[in-house]
């Protein structure tokens, strides 16, 4: 006959057996993050976290039965929770996350899906005005439009699968707000990127100033990329964190894009002009374009030699080729990294 001690041991064993499916149906979130090559932003104060990779993002809160996918879809789940081993991920919730973050070994490469080209000024706004040796005038709006049209043609020939968009393809006037609204209205799929390139010509009081410049938004400038209308209720308390993540991503990619264009353009133009380097400025079109974005100054119309070059269609084609080469280098590097 079983004594009381034996009965307790057997009951405990049977209870353990009954709990095994549940005990096995969980894993450490840290292991899942490493396996799927994810990044985690964790806010200790609010007990909220954000998992992200590429353009996919999931926000969650401890012991809360919902996760938010890309700020749009609220998904019921078994809550994540803390245990002695660390942050635990229930198996059913893991399956949900696996669908959002597929194994990188089985996934396609990320890609640049759209390129937005913005030739500055236009219509009643001529931009900066240069004077040629024969006394005639040359307008920034015409210079940059020729470059943009040629650049778009090159990109469309090279990337028929990508969408190449011009803010204007003729001599029309657009406000700065209209340009960025056009760019920000573009949509992209998972692991797709849109890039923004604004093209301008320069001027200076110092008539000796010459060369190309590539500008990006200073890293310390903080854009409000998302507002409360862009997210669901569950994500609103972590809105500053979400903005910080997206802003950091855009800043890094803008710098890489700017470096690529600046470096490669000099391969085309080195015998004619000089690089004045990468520069930081919160130009309106750069700070209001919510994507990797740069502004390229293609030369000074106030320089007697450079203004003559900017009036030469063959030289403008060389500028276009230089920007094109920089973009293709950036695209190749970006798309060579798997999701």
C-alpha atoms as a PDB file:
ATOM      1  CA  UNK A   1       0.000   0.000   0.000  1.00  0.00           C
ATOM      2  CA  UNK A   2       1.222   3.470  -0.841  1.00  0.00           C
ATOM      3  CA  UNK A   3       1.891   5.726   2.077  1.00  0.00           C
ATOM      4  CA  UNK A   4       1.191   9.449   2.117  1.00  0.00           C
ATOM      5  CA  UNK A   5       4.703  10.348   0.938  1.00  0.00           C
ATOM      6  CA  UNK A   6       4.431   8.004  -2.051  1.00  0.00           C
ATOM      7  CA  UNK A   7       1.056   9.462  -2.980  1.00  0.00           C
ATOM      8  CA  UNK A   8       2.457  13.019  -2.885  1.00  0.00           C
ATOM      9  CA  UNK A   9       5.431  12.034  -5.083  1.00  0.00           C
ATOM     10  CA  UNK A  10       3.196  10.280  -7.596  1.00  0.00           C
ATOM     11  CA  UNK A  11       0.741  13.203  -7.653  1.00  0.00           C
ATOM     12  CA  UNK A  12       3.592  15.637  -8.180  1.00  0.00           C
ATOM     13  CA  UNK A  13       4.973  13.478 -10.983  1.00  0.00           C
ATOM     14  CA  UNK A  14       1.586  13.263 -12.685  1.00  0.00           C
ATOM     15  CA  UNK A  15       1.185  17.033 -12.362  1.00  0.00           C
ATOM     16  CA  UNK A  16       4.599  17.560 -13.899  1.00  0.00           C
ATOM     17  CA  UNK A  17       3.729  15.227 -16.800  1.00  0.00           C
ATOM     18  CA  UNK A  18       0.513  17.126 -17.381  1.00  0.00           C
ATOM     19  CA  UNK A  19       2.382  20.408 -17.457  1.00  0.00           C
ATOM     20  CA  UNK A  20       5.149  19.294 -19.829  1.00  0.00           C
ATOM     21  CA  UNK A  21       3.328  20.430 -23.023  1.00  0.00           C
ATOM     22  CA  UNK A  22       2.918  23.862 -21.512  1.00  0.00           C
ATOM     23  CA  UNK A  23       6.445  24.042 -20.112  1.00  0.00           C
ATOM     24  CA  UNK A  24       7.854  23.088 -23.512  1.00  0.00           C
ATOM     25  CA  UNK A  25       5.643  25.596 -25.304  1.00  0.00           C
ATOM     26  CA  UNK A  26       7.803  28.575 -24.505  1.00  0.00           C
ATOM     27  CA  UNK A  27      11.271  29.871 -25.296  1.00  0.00           C
ATOM     28  CA  UNK A  28      13.555  32.750 -24.485  1.00  0.00           C
ATOM     29  CA  UNK A  29      12.900  35.870 -26.523  1.00  0.00           C
ATOM     30  CA  UNK A  30      16.677  36.415 -26.641  1.00  0.00           C
ATOM     31  CA  UNK A  31      17.112  33.128 -28.521  1.00  0.00           C
ATOM     32  CA  UNK A  32      14.426  34.068 -31.035  1.00  0.00           C
ATOM     33  CA  UNK A  33      16.043  37.482 -31.568  1.00  0.00           C
ATOM     34  CA  UNK A  34      19.415  35.874 -32.289  1.00  0.00           C
ATOM     35  CA  UNK A  35      17.906  33.208 -34.533  1.00  0.00           C
ATOM     36  CA  UNK A  36      15.952  35.698 -36.649  1.00  0.00           C
ATOM     37  CA  UNK A  37      18.611  38.449 -36.645  1.00  0.00           C
ATOM     38  CA  UNK A  38      16.312  41.004 -34.994  1.00  0.00           C
ATOM     39  CA  UNK A  39      16.940  44.200 -33.082  1.00  0.00           C
ATOM     40  CA  UNK A  40      15.182  44.903 -29.790  1.00  0.00           C
ATOM     41  CA  UNK A  41      14.475  48.275 -28.243  1.00  0.00           C
ATOM     42  CA  UNK A  42      13.416  47.767 -24.627  1.00  0.00           C
ATOM     43  CA  UNK A  43      11.962  50.455 -22.357  1.00  0.00           C
ATOM     44  CA  UNK A  44      12.434  49.366 -18.757  1.00  0.00           C
ATOM     45  CA  UNK A  45      10.205  52.114 -17.402  1.00  0.00           C
ATOM     46  CA  UNK A  46       7.102  51.197 -19.395  1.00  0.00           C
ATOM     47  CA  UNK A  47       7.913  47.465 -19.775  1.00  0.00           C
ATOM     48  CA  UNK A  48       7.419  47.812 -23.499  1.00  0.00           C
ATOM     49  CA  UNK A  49       9.559  46.550 -26.326  1.00  0.00           C
ATOM     50  CA  UNK A  50       9.914  46.900 -30.070  1.00  0.00           C
ATOM     51  CA  UNK A  51      11.271  44.147 -32.296  1.00  0.00           C
ATOM     52  CA  UNK A  52      12.376  45.240 -35.737  1.00  0.00           C
ATOM     53  CA  UNK A  53      14.236  44.093 -38.829  1.00  0.00           C
ATOM     54  CA  UNK A  54      14.247  46.003 -42.100  1.00  0.00           C
ATOM     55  CA  UNK A  55      10.833  47.606 -42.490  1.00  0.00           C
ATOM     56  CA  UNK A  56       9.060  45.097 -40.230  1.00  0.00           C
ATOM     57  CA  UNK A  57       8.301  46.225 -36.682  1.00  0.00           C
ATOM     58  CA  UNK A  58       6.399  44.678 -33.779  1.00  0.00           C
ATOM     59  CA  UNK A  59       5.673  46.458 -30.504  1.00  0.00           C
ATOM     60  CA  UNK A  60       4.611  44.599 -27.368  1.00  0.00           C
ATOM     61  CA  UNK A  61       4.048  45.104 -23.646  1.00  0.00           C
ATOM     62  CA  UNK A  62       4.736  42.597 -20.892  1.00  0.00           C
ATOM     63  CA  UNK A  63       1.691  40.617 -19.744  1.00  0.00           C
ATOM     64  CA  UNK A  64      -0.493  42.313 -22.362  1.00  0.00           C
ATOM     65  CA  UNK A  65      -2.383  40.073 -24.829  1.00  0.00           C
ATOM     66  CA  UNK A  66      -1.830  42.165 -27.968  1.00  0.00           C
ATOM     67  CA  UNK A  67       1.098  42.984 -30.228  1.00  0.00           C
ATOM     68  CA  UNK A  68       1.144  45.722 -32.868  1.00  0.00           C
ATOM     69  CA  UNK A  69       2.526  44.941 -36.337  1.00  0.00           C
ATOM     70  CA  UNK A  70       3.938  47.891 -38.323  1.00  0.00           C
ATOM     71  CA  UNK A  71       1.796  50.295 -36.300  1.00  0.00           C
ATOM     72  CA  UNK A  72      -1.258  49.154 -38.232  1.00  0.00           C
ATOM     73  CA  UNK A  73      -2.466  45.727 -37.137  1.00  0.00           C
ATOM     74  CA  UNK A  74      -3.263  44.698 -33.550  1.00  0.00           C
ATOM     75  CA  UNK A  75      -2.815  40.933 -33.125  1.00  0.00           C
ATOM     76  CA  UNK A  76      -4.133  38.975 -30.100  1.00  0.00           C
ATOM     77  CA  UNK A  77      -1.402  36.783 -28.576  1.00  0.00           C
ATOM     78  CA  UNK A  78      -0.385  34.998 -25.424  1.00  0.00           C
ATOM     79  CA  UNK A  79       1.505  37.703 -23.503  1.00  0.00           C
ATOM     80  CA  UNK A  80       5.259  37.765 -23.184  1.00  0.00           C
ATOM     81  CA  UNK A  81       6.365  37.614 -19.552  1.00  0.00           C
ATOM     82  CA  UNK A  82       9.425  37.623 -17.333  1.00  0.00           C
ATOM     83  CA  UNK A  83      10.702  34.443 -15.656  1.00  0.00           C
ATOM     84  CA  UNK A  84      13.906  33.612 -13.833  1.00  0.00           C
ATOM     85  CA  UNK A  85      15.582  32.712 -17.145  1.00  0.00           C
ATOM     86  CA  UNK A  86      14.611  36.002 -18.766  1.00  0.00           C
ATOM     87  CA  UNK A  87      11.938  37.343 -21.086  1.00  0.00           C
ATOM     88  CA  UNK A  88       9.790  34.402 -22.181  1.00  0.00           C
ATOM     89  CA  UNK A  89       8.034  33.930 -25.496  1.00  0.00           C
ATOM     90  CA  UNK A  90       4.988  31.602 -25.554  1.00  0.00           C
ATOM     91  CA  UNK A  91       5.030  29.170 -28.441  1.00  0.00           C
ATOM     92  CA  UNK A  92       1.818  30.455 -30.044  1.00  0.00           C
ATOM     93  CA  UNK A  93       3.182  34.005 -29.945  1.00  0.00           C
ATOM     94  CA  UNK A  94       6.480  32.792 -31.383  1.00  0.00           C
ATOM     95  CA  UNK A  95       4.579  31.338 -34.337  1.00  0.00           C
ATOM     96  CA  UNK A  96       2.954  34.711 -34.919  1.00  0.00           C
ATOM     97  CA  UNK A  97       6.350  36.404 -34.883  1.00  0.00           C
ATOM     98  CA  UNK A  98       7.885  33.785 -37.176  1.00  0.00           C
ATOM     99  CA  UNK A  99       5.302  34.711 -39.815  1.00  0.00           C
ATOM    100  CA  UNK A 100       6.268  38.389 -39.514  1.00  0.00           C
ATOM    101  CA  UNK A 101      10.027  37.750 -39.321  1.00  0.00           C
ATOM    102  CA  UNK A 102      10.722  34.736 -41.577  1.00  0.00           C
ATOM    103  CA  UNK A 103      14.009  32.917 -41.331  1.00  0.00           C
ATOM    104  CA  UNK A 104      16.606  35.021 -43.165  1.00  0.00           C
ATOM    105  CA  UNK A 105      17.975  31.887 -44.795  1.00  0.00           C
ATOM    106  CA  UNK A 106      14.646  31.410 -46.569  1.00  0.00           C
ATOM    107  CA  UNK A 107      13.809  35.039 -47.330  1.00  0.00           C
ATOM    108  CA  UNK A 108      14.504  37.264 -50.286  1.00  0.00           C
ATOM    109  CA  UNK A 109      16.809  40.246 -50.276  1.00  0.00           C
ATOM    110  CA  UNK A 110      15.540  43.672 -49.295  1.00  0.00           C
ATOM    111  CA  UNK A 111      15.321  46.184 -52.105  1.00  0.00           C
ATOM    112  CA  UNK A 112      14.980  49.813 -53.100  1.00  0.00           C
ATOM    113  CA  UNK A 113      11.577  49.794 -54.786  1.00  0.00           C
ATOM    114  CA  UNK A 114      11.154  53.484 -55.656  1.00  0.00           C
ATOM    115  CA  UNK A 115      13.439  56.433 -56.351  1.00  0.00           C
ATOM    116  CA  UNK A 116      11.988  59.927 -56.054  1.00  0.00           C
ATOM    117  CA  UNK A 117      13.904  62.612 -57.997  1.00  0.00           C
ATOM    118  CA  UNK A 118      13.169  66.246 -57.211  1.00  0.00           C
ATOM    119  CA  UNK A 119      14.564  68.874 -59.622  1.00  0.00           C
ATOM    120  CA  UNK A 120      14.362  72.074 -57.586  1.00  0.00           C
ATOM    121  CA  UNK A 121      12.397  75.221 -58.414  1.00  0.00           C
ATOM    122  CA  UNK A 122      10.435  75.506 -61.692  1.00  0.00           C
ATOM    123  CA  UNK A 123       7.791  77.685 -63.313  1.00  0.00           C
ATOM    124  CA  UNK A 124       7.695  81.161 -61.796  1.00  0.00           C
ATOM    125  CA  UNK A 125      10.561  80.215 -59.473  1.00  0.00           C
ATOM    126  CA  UNK A 126      13.778  80.238 -61.553  1.00  0.00           C
ATOM    127  CA  UNK A 127      16.044  79.425 -58.615  1.00  0.00           C
ATOM    128  CA  UNK A 128      19.483  80.961 -58.664  1.00  0.00           C
ATOM    129  CA  UNK A 129      20.430  82.834 -61.871  1.00  0.00           C
ATOM    130  CA  UNK A 130      23.837  82.768 -63.536  1.00  0.00           C
ATOM    131  CA  UNK A 131      25.302  84.994 -66.226  1.00  0.00           C
ATOM    132  CA  UNK A 132      27.242  83.527 -69.130  1.00  0.00           C
ATOM    133  CA  UNK A 133      30.218  85.073 -70.854  1.00  0.00           C
ATOM    134  CA  UNK A 134      28.062  86.356 -73.720  1.00  0.00           C
ATOM    135  CA  UNK A 135      25.833  88.230 -71.263  1.00  0.00           C
ATOM    136  CA  UNK A 136      22.879  85.817 -71.425  1.00  0.00           C
ATOM    137  CA  UNK A 137      21.317  84.273 -68.340  1.00  0.00           C
ATOM    138  CA  UNK A 138      21.057  80.671 -67.188  1.00  0.00           C
ATOM    139  CA  UNK A 139      18.448  79.469 -64.672  1.00  0.00           C
ATOM    140  CA  UNK A 140      18.853  76.836 -61.990  1.00  0.00           C
ATOM    141  CA  UNK A 141      15.395  75.394 -62.742  1.00  0.00           C
ATOM    142  CA  UNK A 142      16.469  74.513 -66.303  1.00  0.00           C
ATOM    143  CA  UNK A 143      19.840  73.045 -65.314  1.00  0.00           C
ATOM    144  CA  UNK A 144      18.433  70.697 -62.711  1.00  0.00           C
ATOM    145  CA  UNK A 145      15.480  69.616 -64.856  1.00  0.00           C
ATOM    146  CA  UNK A 146      17.826  68.486 -67.651  1.00  0.00           C
ATOM    147  CA  UNK A 147      19.894  66.502 -65.146  1.00  0.00           C
ATOM    148  CA  UNK A 148      16.803  64.957 -63.514  1.00  0.00           C
ATOM    149  CA  UNK A 149      15.251  63.877 -66.831  1.00  0.00           C
ATOM    150  CA  UNK A 150      18.490  62.242 -67.942  1.00  0.00           C
ATOM    151  CA  UNK A 151      18.943  60.585 -64.541  1.00  0.00           C
ATOM    152  CA  UNK A 152      15.402  59.181 -64.601  1.00  0.00           C
ATOM    153  CA  UNK A 153      15.974  57.769 -68.094  1.00  0.00           C
ATOM    154  CA  UNK A 154      19.173  56.024 -66.995  1.00  0.00           C
ATOM    155  CA  UNK A 155      17.534  54.557 -63.892  1.00  0.00           C
ATOM    156  CA  UNK A 156      14.469  53.310 -65.793  1.00  0.00           C
ATOM    157  CA  UNK A 157      16.697  51.578 -68.322  1.00  0.00           C
ATOM    158  CA  UNK A 158      18.748  49.913 -65.578  1.00  0.00           C
ATOM    159  CA  UNK A 159      15.879  49.109 -63.193  1.00  0.00           C
ATOM    160  CA  UNK A 160      12.669  48.418 -65.141  1.00  0.00           C
ATOM    161  CA  UNK A 161      11.258  46.734 -62.024  1.00  0.00           C
ATOM    162  CA  UNK A 162      11.684  49.863 -59.878  1.00  0.00           C
ATOM    163  CA  UNK A 163       9.428  52.910 -59.945  1.00  0.00           C
ATOM    164  CA  UNK A 164      11.260  56.132 -60.835  1.00  0.00           C
ATOM    165  CA  UNK A 165       9.231  59.218 -59.933  1.00  0.00           C
ATOM    166  CA  UNK A 166       9.938  62.871 -60.773  1.00  0.00           C
ATOM    167  CA  UNK A 167       8.394  65.671 -58.737  1.00  0.00           C
ATOM    168  CA  UNK A 168       8.219  67.561 -62.049  1.00  0.00           C
ATOM    169  CA  UNK A 169       9.145  66.661 -65.614  1.00  0.00           C
ATOM    170  CA  UNK A 170       8.495  70.088 -67.138  1.00  0.00           C
ATOM    171  CA  UNK A 171       8.824  73.765 -66.267  1.00  0.00           C
ATOM    172  CA  UNK A 172       6.087  73.892 -63.626  1.00  0.00           C
ATOM    173  CA  UNK A 173       6.001  75.428 -60.160  1.00  0.00           C
ATOM    174  CA  UNK A 174       5.679  73.243 -57.088  1.00  0.00           C
ATOM    175  CA  UNK A 175       5.827  74.365 -53.488  1.00  0.00           C
ATOM    176  CA  UNK A 176       8.229  72.661 -51.120  1.00  0.00           C
ATOM    177  CA  UNK A 177       5.240  71.168 -49.328  1.00  0.00           C
ATOM    178  CA  UNK A 178       3.888  69.685 -52.566  1.00  0.00           C
ATOM    179  CA  UNK A 179       7.230  68.050 -53.343  1.00  0.00           C
ATOM    180  CA  UNK A 180       7.537  66.304 -49.987  1.00  0.00           C
ATOM    181  CA  UNK A 181       3.848  65.376 -49.927  1.00  0.00           C
ATOM    182  CA  UNK A 182       4.327  63.631 -53.276  1.00  0.00           C
ATOM    183  CA  UNK A 183       7.299  61.702 -51.910  1.00  0.00           C
ATOM    184  CA  UNK A 184       5.657  60.830 -48.593  1.00  0.00           C
ATOM    185  CA  UNK A 185       2.510  59.621 -50.341  1.00  0.00           C
ATOM    186  CA  UNK A 186       4.490  56.784 -51.949  1.00  0.00           C
ATOM    187  CA  UNK A 187       4.052  53.382 -50.356  1.00  0.00           C
ATOM    188  CA  UNK A 188       6.405  50.439 -50.114  1.00  0.00           C
ATOM    189  CA  UNK A 189       6.057  46.803 -49.185  1.00  0.00           C
ATOM    190  CA  UNK A 190       7.866  44.797 -46.516  1.00  0.00           C
ATOM    191  CA  UNK A 191      11.642  45.153 -46.730  1.00  0.00           C
ATOM    192  CA  UNK A 192      11.349  47.773 -49.476  1.00  0.00           C
ATOM    193  CA  UNK A 193      12.900  51.207 -49.360  1.00  0.00           C
ATOM    194  CA  UNK A 194      12.130  54.515 -51.065  1.00  0.00           C
ATOM    195  CA  UNK A 195      14.967  57.016 -51.554  1.00  0.00           C
ATOM    196  CA  UNK A 196      14.729  60.751 -52.226  1.00  0.00           C
ATOM    197  CA  UNK A 197      17.241  62.797 -54.252  1.00  0.00           C
ATOM    198  CA  UNK A 198      16.776  66.552 -54.649  1.00  0.00           C
ATOM    199  CA  UNK A 199      18.893  68.308 -57.294  1.00  0.00           C
ATOM    200  CA  UNK A 200      19.919  71.981 -57.136  1.00  0.00           C
ATOM    201  CA  UNK A 201      22.531  74.410 -58.434  1.00  0.00           C
ATOM    202  CA  UNK A 202      24.491  76.655 -56.094  1.00  0.00           C
ATOM    203  CA  UNK A 203      25.403  80.342 -55.768  1.00  0.00           C
ATOM    204  CA  UNK A 204      27.753  82.299 -53.513  1.00  0.00           C
ATOM    205  CA  UNK A 205      28.893  85.852 -52.917  1.00  0.00           C
ATOM    206  CA  UNK A 206      32.444  84.570 -53.318  1.00  0.00           C
ATOM    207  CA  UNK A 207      32.786  84.210 -57.092  1.00  0.00           C
ATOM    208  CA  UNK A 208      35.659  81.787 -56.607  1.00  0.00           C
ATOM    209  CA  UNK A 209      33.421  79.181 -54.951  1.00  0.00           C
ATOM    210  CA  UNK A 210      33.049  76.072 -57.101  1.00  0.00           C
ATOM    211  CA  UNK A 211      32.349  72.360 -56.832  1.00  0.00           C
ATOM    212  CA  UNK A 212      29.645  69.878 -55.907  1.00  0.00           C
ATOM    213  CA  UNK A 213      28.082  69.414 -52.479  1.00  0.00           C
ATOM    214  CA  UNK A 214      25.905  66.637 -51.085  1.00  0.00           C
ATOM    215  CA  UNK A 215      23.723  67.513 -48.109  1.00  0.00           C
ATOM    216  CA  UNK A 216      21.886  65.361 -45.613  1.00  0.00           C
ATOM    217  CA  UNK A 217      19.902  66.064 -42.471  1.00  0.00           C
ATOM    218  CA  UNK A 218      22.042  66.522 -39.331  1.00  0.00           C
ATOM    219  CA  UNK A 219      21.815  63.430 -37.096  1.00  0.00           C
ATOM    220  CA  UNK A 220      20.818  65.567 -34.121  1.00  0.00           C
ATOM    221  CA  UNK A 221      17.754  66.905 -35.967  1.00  0.00           C
ATOM    222  CA  UNK A 222      14.696  64.976 -34.834  1.00  0.00           C
ATOM    223  CA  UNK A 223      11.835  64.599 -37.285  1.00  0.00           C
ATOM    224  CA  UNK A 224       8.352  63.635 -36.155  1.00  0.00           C
ATOM    225  CA  UNK A 225       8.152  60.821 -38.683  1.00  0.00           C
ATOM    226  CA  UNK A 226       5.015  59.363 -37.110  1.00  0.00           C
ATOM    227  CA  UNK A 227       2.163  61.005 -35.252  1.00  0.00           C
ATOM    228  CA  UNK A 228      -0.717  59.575 -33.266  1.00  0.00           C
ATOM    229  CA  UNK A 229      -2.879  59.137 -36.361  1.00  0.00           C
ATOM    230  CA  UNK A 230      -0.292  56.722 -37.796  1.00  0.00           C
ATOM    231  CA  UNK A 231      -0.412  54.222 -34.950  1.00  0.00           C
ATOM    232  CA  UNK A 232      -2.944  52.174 -33.053  1.00  0.00           C
ATOM    233  CA  UNK A 233      -3.897  52.754 -29.430  1.00  0.00           C
ATOM    234  CA  UNK A 234      -1.526  50.066 -28.179  1.00  0.00           C
ATOM    235  CA  UNK A 235       1.482  51.774 -29.807  1.00  0.00           C
ATOM    236  CA  UNK A 236       0.827  55.383 -28.828  1.00  0.00           C
ATOM    237  CA  UNK A 237       2.664  55.216 -25.536  1.00  0.00           C
ATOM    238  CA  UNK A 238       5.836  54.117 -27.347  1.00  0.00           C
ATOM    239  CA  UNK A 239       5.482  56.644 -30.172  1.00  0.00           C
ATOM    240  CA  UNK A 240       8.685  58.539 -29.198  1.00  0.00           C
ATOM    241  CA  UNK A 241      10.623  55.264 -29.296  1.00  0.00           C
ATOM    242  CA  UNK A 242       9.189  54.348 -32.696  1.00  0.00           C
ATOM    243  CA  UNK A 243      10.084  57.784 -34.051  1.00  0.00           C
ATOM    244  CA  UNK A 244      13.607  57.469 -32.702  1.00  0.00           C
ATOM    245  CA  UNK A 245      14.126  54.086 -34.372  1.00  0.00           C
ATOM    246  CA  UNK A 246      12.860  55.253 -37.776  1.00  0.00           C
ATOM    247  CA  UNK A 247      14.787  58.524 -37.557  1.00  0.00           C
ATOM    248  CA  UNK A 248      18.020  56.706 -36.771  1.00  0.00           C
ATOM    249  CA  UNK A 249      17.470  54.349 -39.703  1.00  0.00           C
ATOM    250  CA  UNK A 250      16.759  57.207 -42.136  1.00  0.00           C
ATOM    251  CA  UNK A 251      19.775  59.185 -40.926  1.00  0.00           C
ATOM    252  CA  UNK A 252      22.252  56.325 -41.343  1.00  0.00           C
ATOM    253  CA  UNK A 253      20.924  55.430 -44.791  1.00  0.00           C
ATOM    254  CA  UNK A 254      20.947  59.104 -45.880  1.00  0.00           C
ATOM    255  CA  UNK A 255      24.603  59.408 -44.906  1.00  0.00           C
ATOM    256  CA  UNK A 256      25.488  56.214 -46.787  1.00  0.00           C
ATOM    257  CA  UNK A 257      23.568  57.463 -49.849  1.00  0.00           C
ATOM    258  CA  UNK A 258      25.279  60.863 -49.669  1.00  0.00           C
ATOM    259  CA  UNK A 259      28.738  59.306 -49.312  1.00  0.00           C
ATOM    260  CA  UNK A 260      28.124  57.086 -52.314  1.00  0.00           C
ATOM    261  CA  UNK A 261      26.951  59.931 -54.558  1.00  0.00           C
ATOM    262  CA  UNK A 262      29.715  62.307 -53.478  1.00  0.00           C
ATOM    263  CA  UNK A 263      32.464  59.712 -53.959  1.00  0.00           C
ATOM    264  CA  UNK A 264      31.301  58.362 -57.291  1.00  0.00           C
ATOM    265  CA  UNK A 265      30.402  61.720 -58.869  1.00  0.00           C
ATOM    266  CA  UNK A 266      34.017  62.780 -58.697  1.00  0.00           C
ATOM    267  CA  UNK A 267      34.893  59.816 -60.893  1.00  0.00           C
ATOM    268  CA  UNK A 268      32.911  61.562 -63.623  1.00  0.00           C
ATOM    269  CA  UNK A 269      33.668  65.199 -62.805  1.00  0.00           C
ATOM    270  CA  UNK A 270      37.090  65.136 -61.183  1.00  0.00           C
ATOM    271  CA  UNK A 271      38.827  66.741 -64.144  1.00  0.00           C
ATOM    272  CA  UNK A 272      36.321  69.609 -64.277  1.00  0.00           C
ATOM    273  CA  UNK A 273      35.400  70.515 -60.715  1.00  0.00           C
ATOM    274  CA  UNK A 274      35.933  69.484 -57.089  1.00  0.00           C
ATOM    275  CA  UNK A 275      34.007  67.941 -54.238  1.00  0.00           C
ATOM    276  CA  UNK A 276      33.223  70.261 -51.366  1.00  0.00           C
ATOM    277  CA  UNK A 277      32.300  67.199 -49.328  1.00  0.00           C
ATOM    278  CA  UNK A 278      29.303  65.960 -47.412  1.00  0.00           C
ATOM    279  CA  UNK A 279      27.471  68.655 -45.487  1.00  0.00           C
ATOM    280  CA  UNK A 280      24.689  68.801 -42.918  1.00  0.00           C
ATOM    281  CA  UNK A 281      21.711  71.141 -43.143  1.00  0.00           C
ATOM    282  CA  UNK A 282      18.017  70.906 -42.318  1.00  0.00           C
ATOM    283  CA  UNK A 283      16.824  71.812 -45.829  1.00  0.00           C
ATOM    284  CA  UNK A 284      13.032  71.633 -45.985  1.00  0.00           C
ATOM    285  CA  UNK A 285      12.813  68.860 -48.585  1.00  0.00           C
ATOM    286  CA  UNK A 286      15.357  66.771 -46.681  1.00  0.00           C
ATOM    287  CA  UNK A 287      13.808  67.139 -43.233  1.00  0.00           C
ATOM    288  CA  UNK A 288      10.244  66.662 -44.500  1.00  0.00           C
ATOM    289  CA  UNK A 289      10.936  63.610 -46.674  1.00  0.00           C
ATOM    290  CA  UNK A 290      10.359  60.637 -44.402  1.00  0.00           C
ATOM    291  CA  UNK A 291      12.840  58.311 -46.086  1.00  0.00           C
ATOM    292  CA  UNK A 292      16.586  58.265 -46.819  1.00  0.00           C
ATOM    293  CA  UNK A 293      17.099  61.626 -48.529  1.00  0.00           C
ATOM    294  CA  UNK A 294      19.902  63.837 -49.846  1.00  0.00           C
ATOM    295  CA  UNK A 295      20.200  67.158 -51.647  1.00  0.00           C
ATOM    296  CA  UNK A 296      22.842  67.436 -54.390  1.00  0.00           C
ATOM    297  CA  UNK A 297      24.263  70.833 -55.384  1.00  0.00           C
ATOM    298  CA  UNK A 298      25.745  70.293 -58.851  1.00  0.00           C
ATOM    299  CA  UNK A 299      27.871  73.448 -59.146  1.00  0.00           C
ATOM    300  CA  UNK A 300      28.000  77.232 -58.752  1.00  0.00           C
ATOM    301  CA  UNK A 301      26.345  79.444 -61.355  1.00  0.00           C
ATOM    302  CA  UNK A 302      28.199  82.376 -59.779  1.00  0.00           C
ATOM    303  CA  UNK A 303      31.575  80.930 -60.792  1.00  0.00           C
ATOM    304  CA  UNK A 304      32.617  82.151 -64.251  1.00  0.00           C
ATOM    305  CA  UNK A 305      34.075  78.796 -65.301  1.00  0.00           C
ATOM    306  CA  UNK A 306      31.510  76.532 -63.712  1.00  0.00           C
ATOM    307  CA  UNK A 307      28.523  78.417 -65.122  1.00  0.00           C
ATOM    308  CA  UNK A 308      29.826  77.740 -68.627  1.00  0.00           C
ATOM    309  CA  UNK A 309      30.088  74.041 -67.817  1.00  0.00           C
ATOM    310  CA  UNK A 310      26.531  74.043 -66.446  1.00  0.00           C
ATOM    311  CA  UNK A 311      25.360  75.453 -69.764  1.00  0.00           C
ATOM    312  CA  UNK A 312      26.883  72.495 -71.632  1.00  0.00           C
ATOM    313  CA  UNK A 313      24.445  69.563 -72.172  1.00  0.00           C
ATOM    314  CA  UNK A 314      27.325  67.078 -72.291  1.00  0.00           C
ATOM    315  CA  UNK A 315      28.541  68.240 -68.881  1.00  0.00           C
ATOM    316  CA  UNK A 316      25.025  67.922 -67.449  1.00  0.00           C
ATOM    317  CA  UNK A 317      24.972  64.340 -68.732  1.00  0.00           C
ATOM    318  CA  UNK A 318      28.218  63.696 -66.872  1.00  0.00           C
ATOM    319  CA  UNK A 319      26.601  65.041 -63.686  1.00  0.00           C
ATOM    320  CA  UNK A 320      23.606  62.784 -64.288  1.00  0.00           C
ATOM    321  CA  UNK A 321      25.921  59.821 -64.847  1.00  0.00           C
ATOM    322  CA  UNK A 322      27.732  60.620 -61.595  1.00  0.00           C
ATOM    323  CA  UNK A 323      24.506  60.729 -59.539  1.00  0.00           C
ATOM    324  CA  UNK A 324      23.320  57.567 -61.290  1.00  0.00           C
ATOM    325  CA  UNK A 325      26.560  55.748 -60.462  1.00  0.00           C
ATOM    326  CA  UNK A 326      26.274  56.824 -56.818  1.00  0.00           C
ATOM    327  CA  UNK A 327      22.678  55.614 -56.624  1.00  0.00           C
ATOM    328  CA  UNK A 328      23.474  52.259 -58.228  1.00  0.00           C
ATOM    329  CA  UNK A 329      26.353  51.722 -55.796  1.00  0.00           C
ATOM    330  CA  UNK A 330      24.051  52.483 -52.869  1.00  0.00           C
ATOM    331  CA  UNK A 331      21.347  50.186 -54.243  1.00  0.00           C
ATOM    332  CA  UNK A 332      23.816  47.362 -54.787  1.00  0.00           C
ATOM    333  CA  UNK A 333      25.124  47.651 -51.223  1.00  0.00           C
ATOM    334  CA  UNK A 334      21.620  47.966 -49.732  1.00  0.00           C
ATOM    335  CA  UNK A 335      20.164  45.039 -51.642  1.00  0.00           C
ATOM    336  CA  UNK A 336      23.122  42.754 -50.972  1.00  0.00           C
ATOM    337  CA  UNK A 337      22.131  42.575 -47.291  1.00  0.00           C
ATOM    338  CA  UNK A 338      19.451  39.959 -46.683  1.00  0.00           C
ATOM    339  CA  UNK A 339      16.371  40.677 -44.626  1.00  0.00           C
END
